Amino acid sequence: MKFQTFSYHTLDEIRQAANGLSLTLPLSEVLRVLRQPVSAGPLRLANRIAIQPMEGCDGTPDGRPDTLTQRRYRRFARGGAGLIWFEATAIVQEGRANPRQLYLNKKTLDSFRTQVEEIKEEGMRQNGFAPVVICQLTHSGRYAKPEGVPAPLIAYNNPLFEKEQPIDKSRIVSDDKLKRLEEAFGATALLAQEAGFDGADIKCCHRYLLSEMLSAFTRPGDYGGAFENRTRLLRNAIFAAKGATSGEFLITSRVNLYDGFAYPYGFGVSPTGGLMPDLTEPKALVTLLHEELRLPMLDFTIGNPYVNPHVNRPYDGGPYVPDEHPLEGVARMLGCIGQLKKAFPSLCVIGSGFSYLRQFSPYLAAGAVEQSVCDLAGFGRMAFAYPDFPRDTLYGEGFNARKTCIACGKCSALMRAGTVAGCVVRDGETYLPFYQAHCCV
């Protein structure tokens, strides 16, 4: 069955659609499982809902949280999720994805400390507990635009992305440069601890620099070719972060299990060809991260929001019409994550891809936790649209369908247009003017 927009009125209709597509979706009406606390290493989370790192592109030019940033995290904190995975925060100026991406350094440290304090205090005041807050540390690599124009730093030339306009080879990051970036991840992780975050994510997803390195099959030298080399930057950055921090500060990673591109340009696919997920190398990577580097929690995702966004965030509206039903994307995401959780039962796993089911997404989250697909359900777009959904679902009168994300893609359109990002539909007073100014011309 080809692409169809969302038209379901009951949970049974979703089950019937999934059955008709020969898909397995973990659905459960036992929502109380989401209220259970869970431990991740030294951290204890109040419930099983996580807010995924949703970048608002609304920091100050020097990288501090600005007015809209502060507003967004107040809303997230009030929402009642046990975990708030703080958005992509650059470790170096050249690695910023846009001129207003957050950038943690010694000059901006105090602003981040204030931001974390406000999140903790607001959560305690509204819900009786402070959420765990993880800071996502990133280098945007081929998607770097620190001054608002493309300034890519790439692992290797990729004809699938670059096509008839290959990026100049001078933009390929040298091995020496990568070694310096490993040190920068360590230094910034220490700043994150000083700012009051509970942990730091060494970001390795969605084809940003560390993620792209995992597919650097054609790159020569110490950071390309063999699996050991392609994972070197991530491993060494984690070593640096663990070495720089202390106590109960958690080091973790948001990791791509599958890129959705054929070998030799995609991670998580077979070297013999095709686009089907092959989790042989992702399992080897998680063995390194969990069993050797002792990371107790990982946040899993798939796809590339710049090139194949339907893979990581199935939608009704987007830059193209996918050649598959959106429920196939939801099932692929949870299928990949579930295989890793099954292989590593002691690992605390955060799942992704729940928001597409709208008002039925809590049942997908509950089923995923109940069936050990993941330990926490991570929500991204839904938090933009309906930041109070965890509290309403777990502790209130229930999920309000009139507030749900409708997977329209307008928040992504705002990011592509180079302006601040948020929900145009449910938070229109704030974000509709930006959409009208930048996306309706």
Protein backbone atom coordinates (compact mmCIF):
# COMPACT_ATOMS: atom_id res chain seq x y z
CA MET A 1 0.00 0.00 0.00
CA LYS A 2 1.36 3.41 -0.95
CA PHE A 3 1.38 6.64 1.01
CA GLN A 4 -1.80 7.62 2.85
CA THR A 5 -2.48 10.45 5.26
CA PHE A 6 -3.65 9.81 8.80
CA SER A 7 -7.40 9.08 8.95
CA TYR A 8 -7.85 6.88 12.02
CA HIS A 9 -10.56 7.45 14.62
CA THR A 10 -9.99 4.44 16.87
CA LEU A 11 -7.14 2.26 18.02
CA ASP A 12 -8.75 -0.70 16.31
CA GLU A 13 -8.58 1.11 12.97
CA ILE A 14 -4.82 1.49 13.43
CA ARG A 15 -4.51 -2.18 14.30
CA GLN A 16 -6.49 -3.12 11.19
CA ALA A 17 -4.35 -0.86 8.99
CA ALA A 18 -1.16 -2.35 10.43
CA ASN A 19 -2.46 -5.88 9.89
CA GLY A 20 -3.36 -5.02 6.32
CA LEU A 21 0.22 -3.91 5.76
CA SER A 22 1.60 -7.01 7.53
CA LEU A 23 3.15 -4.77 10.17
CA THR A 24 3.60 -5.31 13.87
CA LEU A 25 3.00 -2.28 16.09
CA PRO A 26 3.26 -2.68 19.88
CA LEU A 27 -0.01 -1.14 21.07
CA SER A 28 -1.33 -1.35 24.63
CA GLU A 29 -4.07 0.44 26.55
CA VAL A 30 -2.28 -0.16 29.86
CA LEU A 31 -0.92 3.37 30.15
CA ARG A 32 0.08 2.97 33.78
CA VAL A 33 3.32 1.32 32.65
CA LEU A 34 4.45 4.78 31.53
CA ARG A 35 4.14 6.06 35.11
CA GLN A 36 6.75 3.61 36.37
CA PRO A 37 10.13 5.09 37.37
CA VAL A 38 13.24 3.75 35.67
CA SER A 39 16.95 3.88 36.43
CA ALA A 40 19.75 4.68 33.99
CA GLY A 41 23.09 4.19 35.68
CA PRO A 42 23.17 6.61 38.63
CA LEU A 43 20.05 8.49 37.48
CA ARG A 44 16.46 7.72 38.43
CA LEU A 45 13.74 8.99 36.13
CA ALA A 46 10.24 9.65 37.46
CA ASN A 47 8.41 8.10 34.50
CA ARG A 48 8.90 6.49 31.08
CA ILE A 49 8.37 9.54 28.84
CA ALA A 50 11.28 11.53 27.41
CA ILE A 51 11.29 14.77 25.47
CA GLN A 52 13.65 14.30 22.55
CA PRO A 53 16.18 17.02 21.60
CA MET A 54 14.04 19.49 19.64
CA GLU A 55 16.09 22.38 18.32
CA GLY A 56 14.33 25.74 18.21
CA CYS A 57 17.09 27.64 16.34
CA ASP A 58 16.40 30.51 18.70
CA GLY A 59 19.54 31.10 20.74
CA THR A 60 21.48 34.36 20.80
CA PRO A 61 24.18 34.99 18.19
CA ASP A 62 26.85 34.00 20.71
CA GLY A 63 25.01 30.77 21.60
CA ARG A 64 23.07 31.51 24.79
CA PRO A 65 19.48 30.41 25.39
CA ASP A 66 17.24 33.32 24.36
CA THR A 67 13.64 34.28 25.15
CA LEU A 68 11.97 31.63 22.97
CA THR A 69 14.44 29.00 24.20
CA GLN A 70 13.56 29.78 27.79
CA ARG A 71 9.85 29.72 26.99
CA ARG A 72 10.14 26.30 25.29
CA TYR A 73 11.94 24.67 28.22
CA ARG A 74 9.54 26.13 30.77
CA ARG A 75 6.76 24.46 28.79
CA PHE A 76 8.67 21.18 28.57
CA ALA A 77 9.42 21.26 32.32
CA ARG A 78 5.77 21.88 33.19
CA GLY A 79 4.79 19.01 30.92
CA GLY A 80 5.87 16.34 33.38
CA ALA A 81 8.23 14.13 31.36
CA GLY A 82 10.77 12.24 33.44
CA LEU A 83 13.59 13.08 31.02
CA ILE A 84 14.26 16.22 28.99
CA TRP A 85 16.95 15.62 26.38
CA PHE A 86 18.18 19.17 25.83
CA GLU A 87 18.60 20.19 22.21
CA ALA A 88 21.68 20.12 19.95
CA THR A 89 24.35 22.35 21.49
CA ALA A 90 27.53 23.07 19.54
CA ILE A 91 30.97 22.29 20.95
CA VAL A 92 32.77 24.70 18.58
CA GLN A 93 31.67 27.75 16.60
CA GLU A 94 32.35 26.13 13.22
CA GLY A 95 30.10 23.22 14.14
CA ARG A 96 26.90 25.27 14.58
CA ALA A 97 24.04 24.30 12.27
CA ASN A 98 22.74 27.87 12.14
CA PRO A 99 23.72 31.27 13.57
CA ARG A 100 21.29 30.84 16.47
CA GLN A 101 22.14 27.29 17.47
CA LEU A 102 23.07 27.01 21.12
CA TYR A 103 26.81 26.95 21.81
CA LEU A 104 28.17 25.98 25.22
CA ASN A 105 31.51 27.54 26.09
CA LYS A 106 33.08 29.37 29.02
CA LYS A 107 31.48 32.68 28.01
CA THR A 108 27.97 31.23 27.77
CA LEU A 109 28.24 28.85 30.74
CA ASP A 110 26.34 31.04 33.21
CA SER A 111 23.36 31.33 30.86
CA PHE A 112 23.17 27.56 30.53
CA ARG A 113 23.44 27.17 34.30
CA THR A 114 20.47 29.51 34.73
CA GLN A 115 18.53 27.60 32.06
CA VAL A 116 19.04 24.24 33.77
CA GLU A 117 18.10 25.69 37.17
CA GLU A 118 14.86 27.05 35.70
CA ILE A 119 13.99 23.67 34.16
CA LYS A 120 14.56 21.85 37.45
CA GLU A 121 12.69 24.42 39.52
CA GLU A 122 9.72 24.57 37.14
CA GLY A 123 9.43 20.79 37.05
CA MET A 124 9.52 20.56 40.83
CA ARG A 125 6.99 23.36 41.25
CA GLN A 126 4.50 21.97 38.71
CA ASN A 127 4.93 18.21 39.11
CA GLY A 128 6.65 17.53 42.41
CA PHE A 129 9.85 16.27 40.79
CA ALA A 130 12.70 17.70 38.77
CA PRO A 131 13.22 16.08 35.38
CA VAL A 132 16.55 14.57 34.47
CA VAL A 133 18.17 16.86 31.90
CA ILE A 134 20.74 15.61 29.35
CA CYS A 135 22.68 18.06 27.15
CA GLN A 136 23.15 16.99 23.52
CA LEU A 137 26.65 17.97 22.35
CA THR A 138 27.12 18.20 18.60
CA HIS A 139 29.22 19.09 15.61
CA SER A 140 26.96 19.61 12.58
CA GLY A 141 29.55 18.50 10.03
CA ARG A 142 28.20 18.65 6.47
CA TYR A 143 25.20 20.65 7.74
CA ALA A 144 27.22 23.38 9.44
CA LYS A 145 26.03 26.95 8.77
CA PRO A 146 27.52 29.02 11.59
CA GLU A 147 27.08 32.27 9.67
CA GLY A 148 23.84 31.30 7.92
CA VAL A 149 25.43 30.02 4.71
CA PRO A 150 26.68 26.47 4.10
CA ALA A 151 30.15 25.86 5.52
CA PRO A 152 30.28 22.06 5.47
CA LEU A 153 32.93 19.97 7.16
CA ILE A 154 32.51 16.47 5.79
CA ALA A 155 33.83 13.00 6.55
CA TYR A 156 33.98 12.12 2.86
CA ASN A 157 32.39 13.08 -0.44
CA ASN A 158 28.96 11.51 -0.82
CA PRO A 159 27.54 11.55 -4.37
CA LEU A 160 24.08 10.59 -3.08
CA PHE A 161 23.89 13.93 -1.29
CA GLU A 162 26.16 16.14 -3.38
CA LYS A 163 25.12 14.85 -6.84
CA GLU A 164 26.24 17.25 -9.57
CA GLN A 165 27.75 19.71 -7.05
CA PRO A 166 30.45 17.81 -5.13
CA ILE A 167 31.82 19.56 -2.07
CA ASP A 168 35.43 20.65 -2.45
CA LYS A 169 37.80 18.08 -0.98
CA SER A 170 39.35 20.82 1.16
CA ARG A 171 36.19 20.57 3.28
CA ILE A 172 36.97 16.96 4.26
CA VAL A 173 37.94 17.03 7.93
CA SER A 174 41.52 15.92 8.51
CA ASP A 175 42.49 13.26 11.02
CA ASP A 176 44.32 15.90 13.07
CA LYS A 177 41.19 18.02 13.15
CA LEU A 178 39.14 15.06 14.34
CA LYS A 179 41.59 14.45 17.18
CA ARG A 180 41.13 18.07 18.32
CA LEU A 181 37.35 17.65 18.18
CA GLU A 182 37.60 14.63 20.48
CA GLU A 183 39.22 16.92 23.04
CA ALA A 184 36.53 19.55 22.46
CA PHE A 185 33.79 17.04 23.26
CA GLY A 186 35.54 16.30 26.55
CA ALA A 187 35.97 19.96 27.45
CA THR A 188 32.35 20.77 26.64
CA ALA A 189 31.07 17.77 28.61
CA LEU A 190 32.83 19.23 31.65
CA LEU A 191 31.10 22.56 31.03
CA ALA A 192 27.78 20.73 30.80
CA GLN A 193 28.41 19.21 34.21
CA GLU A 194 29.33 22.62 35.60
CA ALA A 195 26.10 24.02 34.14
CA GLY A 196 24.07 21.53 36.19
CA PHE A 197 23.05 19.05 33.49
CA ASP A 198 22.67 15.46 34.67
CA GLY A 199 24.54 14.10 31.68
CA ALA A 200 25.89 14.74 28.19
CA ASP A 201 24.98 13.11 24.89
CA ILE A 202 27.83 12.72 22.42
CA LYS A 203 25.53 13.11 19.43
CA CYS A 204 25.91 10.44 16.74
CA CYS A 205 22.74 10.57 14.68
CA HIS A 206 21.01 12.03 11.62
CA ARG A 207 24.21 12.32 9.56
CA TYR A 208 25.84 15.04 11.60
CA LEU A 209 29.61 14.63 11.83
CA LEU A 210 29.96 11.71 14.26
CA SER A 211 27.08 9.89 12.59
CA GLU A 212 28.55 10.41 9.13
CA MET A 213 31.84 8.95 10.29
CA LEU A 214 30.08 5.60 10.89
CA SER A 215 29.53 5.31 7.12
CA ALA A 216 33.00 6.53 6.09
CA PHE A 217 33.77 3.30 4.23
CA THR A 218 35.56 5.17 1.42
CA ARG A 219 37.66 7.41 3.69
CA PRO A 220 41.37 6.56 4.03
CA GLY A 221 43.36 6.82 7.23
CA ASP A 222 42.67 6.22 10.90
CA TYR A 223 39.04 7.35 10.75
CA GLY A 224 37.78 5.50 7.69
CA GLY A 225 37.37 2.08 6.15
CA ALA A 226 37.37 -0.56 8.87
CA PHE A 227 34.73 -0.61 11.62
CA GLU A 228 37.35 0.19 14.25
CA ASN A 229 38.36 3.31 12.35
CA ARG A 230 34.84 4.49 11.54
CA THR A 231 33.88 4.32 15.22
CA ARG A 232 37.10 5.95 16.44
CA LEU A 233 35.78 9.52 16.67
CA LEU A 234 32.74 8.48 18.70
CA ARG A 235 34.73 6.18 21.00
CA ASN A 236 37.44 8.74 21.65
CA ALA A 237 34.95 11.57 22.18
CA ILE A 238 33.18 9.43 24.78
CA PHE A 239 36.51 8.56 26.43
CA ALA A 240 37.29 12.28 26.59
CA ALA A 241 33.88 13.14 28.03
CA LYS A 242 34.07 10.40 30.66
CA GLY A 243 37.60 11.43 31.57
CA ALA A 244 36.67 15.10 31.94
CA THR A 245 33.58 14.59 34.12
CA SER A 246 33.10 12.98 37.49
CA GLY A 247 30.64 11.65 40.04
CA GLU A 248 27.18 10.64 38.85
CA PHE A 249 27.32 12.66 35.64
CA LEU A 250 26.04 10.40 32.84
CA ILE A 251 27.67 10.12 29.43
CA THR A 252 25.37 8.78 26.75
CA SER A 253 24.68 9.07 23.02
CA ARG A 254 21.78 9.46 20.62
CA VAL A 255 22.75 6.98 17.93
CA ASN A 256 21.58 6.22 14.39
CA LEU A 257 21.00 2.51 13.96
CA TYR A 258 20.16 2.81 10.26
CA ASP A 259 20.68 5.64 7.77
CA GLY A 260 18.45 4.45 4.94
CA PHE A 261 21.13 4.74 2.23
CA ALA A 262 22.82 1.90 0.35
CA TYR A 263 26.41 0.83 0.99
CA PRO A 264 28.98 2.42 0.90
CA TYR A 265 27.13 5.60 1.91
CA GLY A 266 24.88 4.29 4.65
CA PHE A 267 25.33 2.79 8.11
CA GLY A 268 23.14 -0.13 9.15
CA VAL A 269 22.73 -1.69 5.71
CA SER A 270 24.24 -4.76 4.10
CA PRO A 271 27.50 -4.32 2.13
CA THR A 272 25.96 -6.56 -0.53
CA GLY A 273 23.45 -3.83 -1.41
CA GLY A 274 19.87 -2.80 -0.80
CA LEU A 275 18.11 -0.48 1.63
CA MET A 276 16.84 -3.03 4.14
CA PRO A 277 18.19 -2.52 7.67
CA ASP A 278 21.11 -4.80 8.55
CA LEU A 279 21.88 -4.31 12.23
CA THR A 280 25.11 -6.32 12.33
CA GLU A 281 27.33 -3.25 12.70
CA PRO A 282 24.89 -1.30 14.91
CA LYS A 283 24.93 -4.25 17.32
CA ALA A 284 28.73 -4.25 17.25
CA LEU A 285 28.67 -0.51 17.96
CA VAL A 286 26.33 -0.90 20.92
CA THR A 287 28.57 -3.67 22.25
CA LEU A 288 31.37 -1.09 22.32
CA LEU A 289 29.23 1.63 23.86
CA HIS A 290 27.38 -0.39 26.48
CA GLU A 291 29.64 -3.30 27.36
CA GLU A 292 33.09 -1.79 26.85
CA LEU A 293 32.57 1.94 27.46
CA ARG A 294 29.91 1.23 30.10
CA LEU A 295 27.23 3.62 28.87
CA PRO A 296 24.07 2.59 30.75
CA MET A 297 21.60 4.42 28.52
CA LEU A 298 21.35 5.10 24.77
CA ASP A 299 18.78 6.96 22.67
CA PHE A 300 18.15 5.27 19.31
CA THR A 301 16.87 6.70 16.04
CA ILE A 302 17.23 6.18 12.27
CA GLY A 303 17.28 8.17 9.03
CA ASN A 304 18.36 11.64 7.93
CA PRO A 305 15.97 14.59 8.35
CA TYR A 306 17.69 16.46 5.48
CA VAL A 307 17.48 13.76 2.80
CA ASN A 308 14.98 11.04 3.78
CA PRO A 309 12.95 12.62 6.62
CA HIS A 310 10.09 10.14 6.24
CA VAL A 311 12.43 7.48 7.64
CA ASN A 312 12.90 9.12 11.05
CA ARG A 313 9.68 11.15 11.28
CA PRO A 314 6.81 9.70 9.20
CA TYR A 315 4.52 12.55 8.19
CA ASP A 316 1.37 13.68 6.42
CA GLY A 317 3.07 16.77 5.01
CA GLY A 318 6.69 17.12 3.99
CA PRO A 319 9.09 18.01 1.18
CA TYR A 320 8.07 15.00 -0.95
CA VAL A 321 5.56 12.14 -1.01
CA PRO A 322 7.22 8.93 0.26
CA ASP A 323 6.86 5.69 -1.64
CA GLU A 324 5.56 3.92 1.45
CA HIS A 325 2.75 4.07 3.99
CA PRO A 326 3.71 6.13 7.10
CA LEU A 327 2.92 3.18 9.36
CA GLU A 328 5.74 1.32 7.62
CA GLY A 329 8.09 4.01 8.85
CA VAL A 330 6.78 3.76 12.40
CA ALA A 331 7.17 -0.03 12.34
CA ARG A 332 10.69 0.17 10.88
CA MET A 333 11.80 2.58 13.59
CA LEU A 334 10.47 0.47 16.45
CA GLY A 335 11.60 -2.75 14.78
CA CYS A 336 15.20 -1.57 14.66
CA ILE A 337 15.09 -0.28 18.24
CA GLY A 338 13.43 -3.43 19.54
CA GLN A 339 16.12 -5.65 18.05
CA LEU A 340 18.80 -3.69 19.90
CA LYS A 341 16.90 -3.76 23.19
CA LYS A 342 16.47 -7.53 22.84
CA ALA A 343 20.19 -7.95 22.19
CA PHE A 344 21.13 -5.74 25.19
CA PRO A 345 18.48 -6.24 27.88
CA SER A 346 20.52 -4.47 30.58
CA LEU A 347 20.76 -1.29 28.47
CA CYS A 348 18.27 1.49 29.21
CA VAL A 349 16.90 2.29 25.75
CA ILE A 350 15.00 5.37 24.63
CA GLY A 351 12.79 4.79 21.61
CA SER A 352 11.73 7.26 18.93
CA GLY A 353 9.05 7.66 16.28
CA PHE A 354 5.88 7.79 18.40
CA SER A 355 4.39 11.17 17.47
CA TYR A 356 2.91 10.15 14.10
CA LEU A 357 0.11 8.26 15.85
CA ARG A 358 -1.20 11.51 17.34
CA GLN A 359 -3.74 10.89 20.15
CA PHE A 360 -2.99 7.18 19.92
CA SER A 361 0.75 7.65 20.48
CA PRO A 362 0.52 6.98 24.25
CA TYR A 363 -0.80 3.50 23.44
CA LEU A 364 2.16 2.91 21.14
CA ALA A 365 4.50 4.16 23.87
CA ALA A 366 2.87 1.94 26.48
CA GLY A 367 3.04 -1.08 24.21
CA ALA A 368 6.69 -0.45 23.39
CA VAL A 369 7.58 -0.31 27.09
CA GLU A 370 5.32 -3.24 27.99
CA GLN A 371 6.81 -5.44 25.24
CA SER A 372 10.42 -4.40 25.99
CA VAL A 373 10.95 -2.60 22.70
CA CYS A 374 12.38 0.26 24.76
CA ASP A 375 12.48 1.49 28.36
CA LEU A 376 11.38 5.06 27.67
CA ALA A 377 9.32 6.54 24.85
CA GLY A 378 10.89 9.63 23.33
CA PHE A 379 8.68 12.33 21.79
CA GLY A 380 9.90 15.18 19.58
CA ARG A 381 7.32 16.95 17.40
CA MET A 382 4.59 16.16 19.91
CA ALA A 383 6.41 18.21 22.54
CA PHE A 384 6.46 21.23 20.23
CA ALA A 385 2.71 20.95 19.66
CA TYR A 386 1.52 19.73 23.05
CA PRO A 387 4.15 20.13 25.77
CA ASP A 388 1.67 19.17 28.53
CA PHE A 389 0.87 15.77 27.05
CA PRO A 390 2.96 13.72 29.57
CA ARG A 391 1.22 15.29 32.56
CA ASP A 392 -2.24 15.05 30.98
CA THR A 393 -1.67 11.43 29.94
CA LEU A 394 -0.01 10.14 33.10
CA TYR A 395 -1.40 12.28 35.89
CA GLY A 396 -4.38 14.21 34.51
CA GLU A 397 -7.60 13.67 32.62
CA GLY A 398 -5.96 12.04 29.63
CA PHE A 399 -4.45 12.98 26.28
CA ASN A 400 -6.35 15.82 24.58
CA ALA A 401 -6.73 15.02 20.87
CA ARG A 402 -7.42 18.67 20.08
CA LYS A 403 -3.85 19.54 21.07
CA THR A 404 -1.99 16.76 19.25
CA CYS A 405 0.75 17.10 16.67
CA ILE A 406 -0.71 16.44 13.21
CA ALA A 407 2.60 15.58 11.47
CA CYS A 408 2.14 18.45 9.02
CA GLY A 409 5.86 19.21 8.71
CA LYS A 410 5.56 22.94 9.30
CA CYS A 411 8.03 22.91 12.21
CA SER A 412 10.61 21.35 9.87
CA ALA A 413 9.73 23.86 7.15
CA LEU A 414 10.60 26.67 9.58
CA MET A 415 14.02 25.12 10.19
CA ARG A 416 14.66 24.69 6.46
CA ALA A 417 13.72 28.33 5.95
CA GLY A 418 16.42 29.40 8.40
CA THR A 419 14.16 30.84 11.08
CA VAL A 420 13.07 29.78 14.56
CA ALA A 421 11.17 26.51 14.89
CA GLY A 422 8.00 25.57 16.75
CA CYS A 423 4.45 24.39 16.18
CA VAL A 424 2.63 26.59 13.69
CA VAL A 425 -0.71 24.82 14.25
CA ARG A 426 -0.95 24.48 18.04
CA ASP A 427 1.28 27.39 19.02
CA GLY A 428 0.30 29.69 16.21
CA GLU A 429 0.29 32.94 18.14
CA THR A 430 4.04 32.55 18.54
CA TYR A 431 5.10 30.71 15.36
CA LEU A 432 2.52 31.44 12.65
CA PRO A 433 4.01 34.90 11.95
CA PHE A 434 7.41 33.29 11.30
CA TYR A 435 5.81 30.73 8.98
CA GLN A 436 3.92 33.42 7.07
CA ALA A 437 7.06 35.54 6.72
CA HIS A 438 9.48 32.80 5.70
CA CYS A 439 7.50 29.90 4.24
CA CYS A 440 4.57 31.52 2.41
CA VAL A 441 6.42 33.61 -0.14
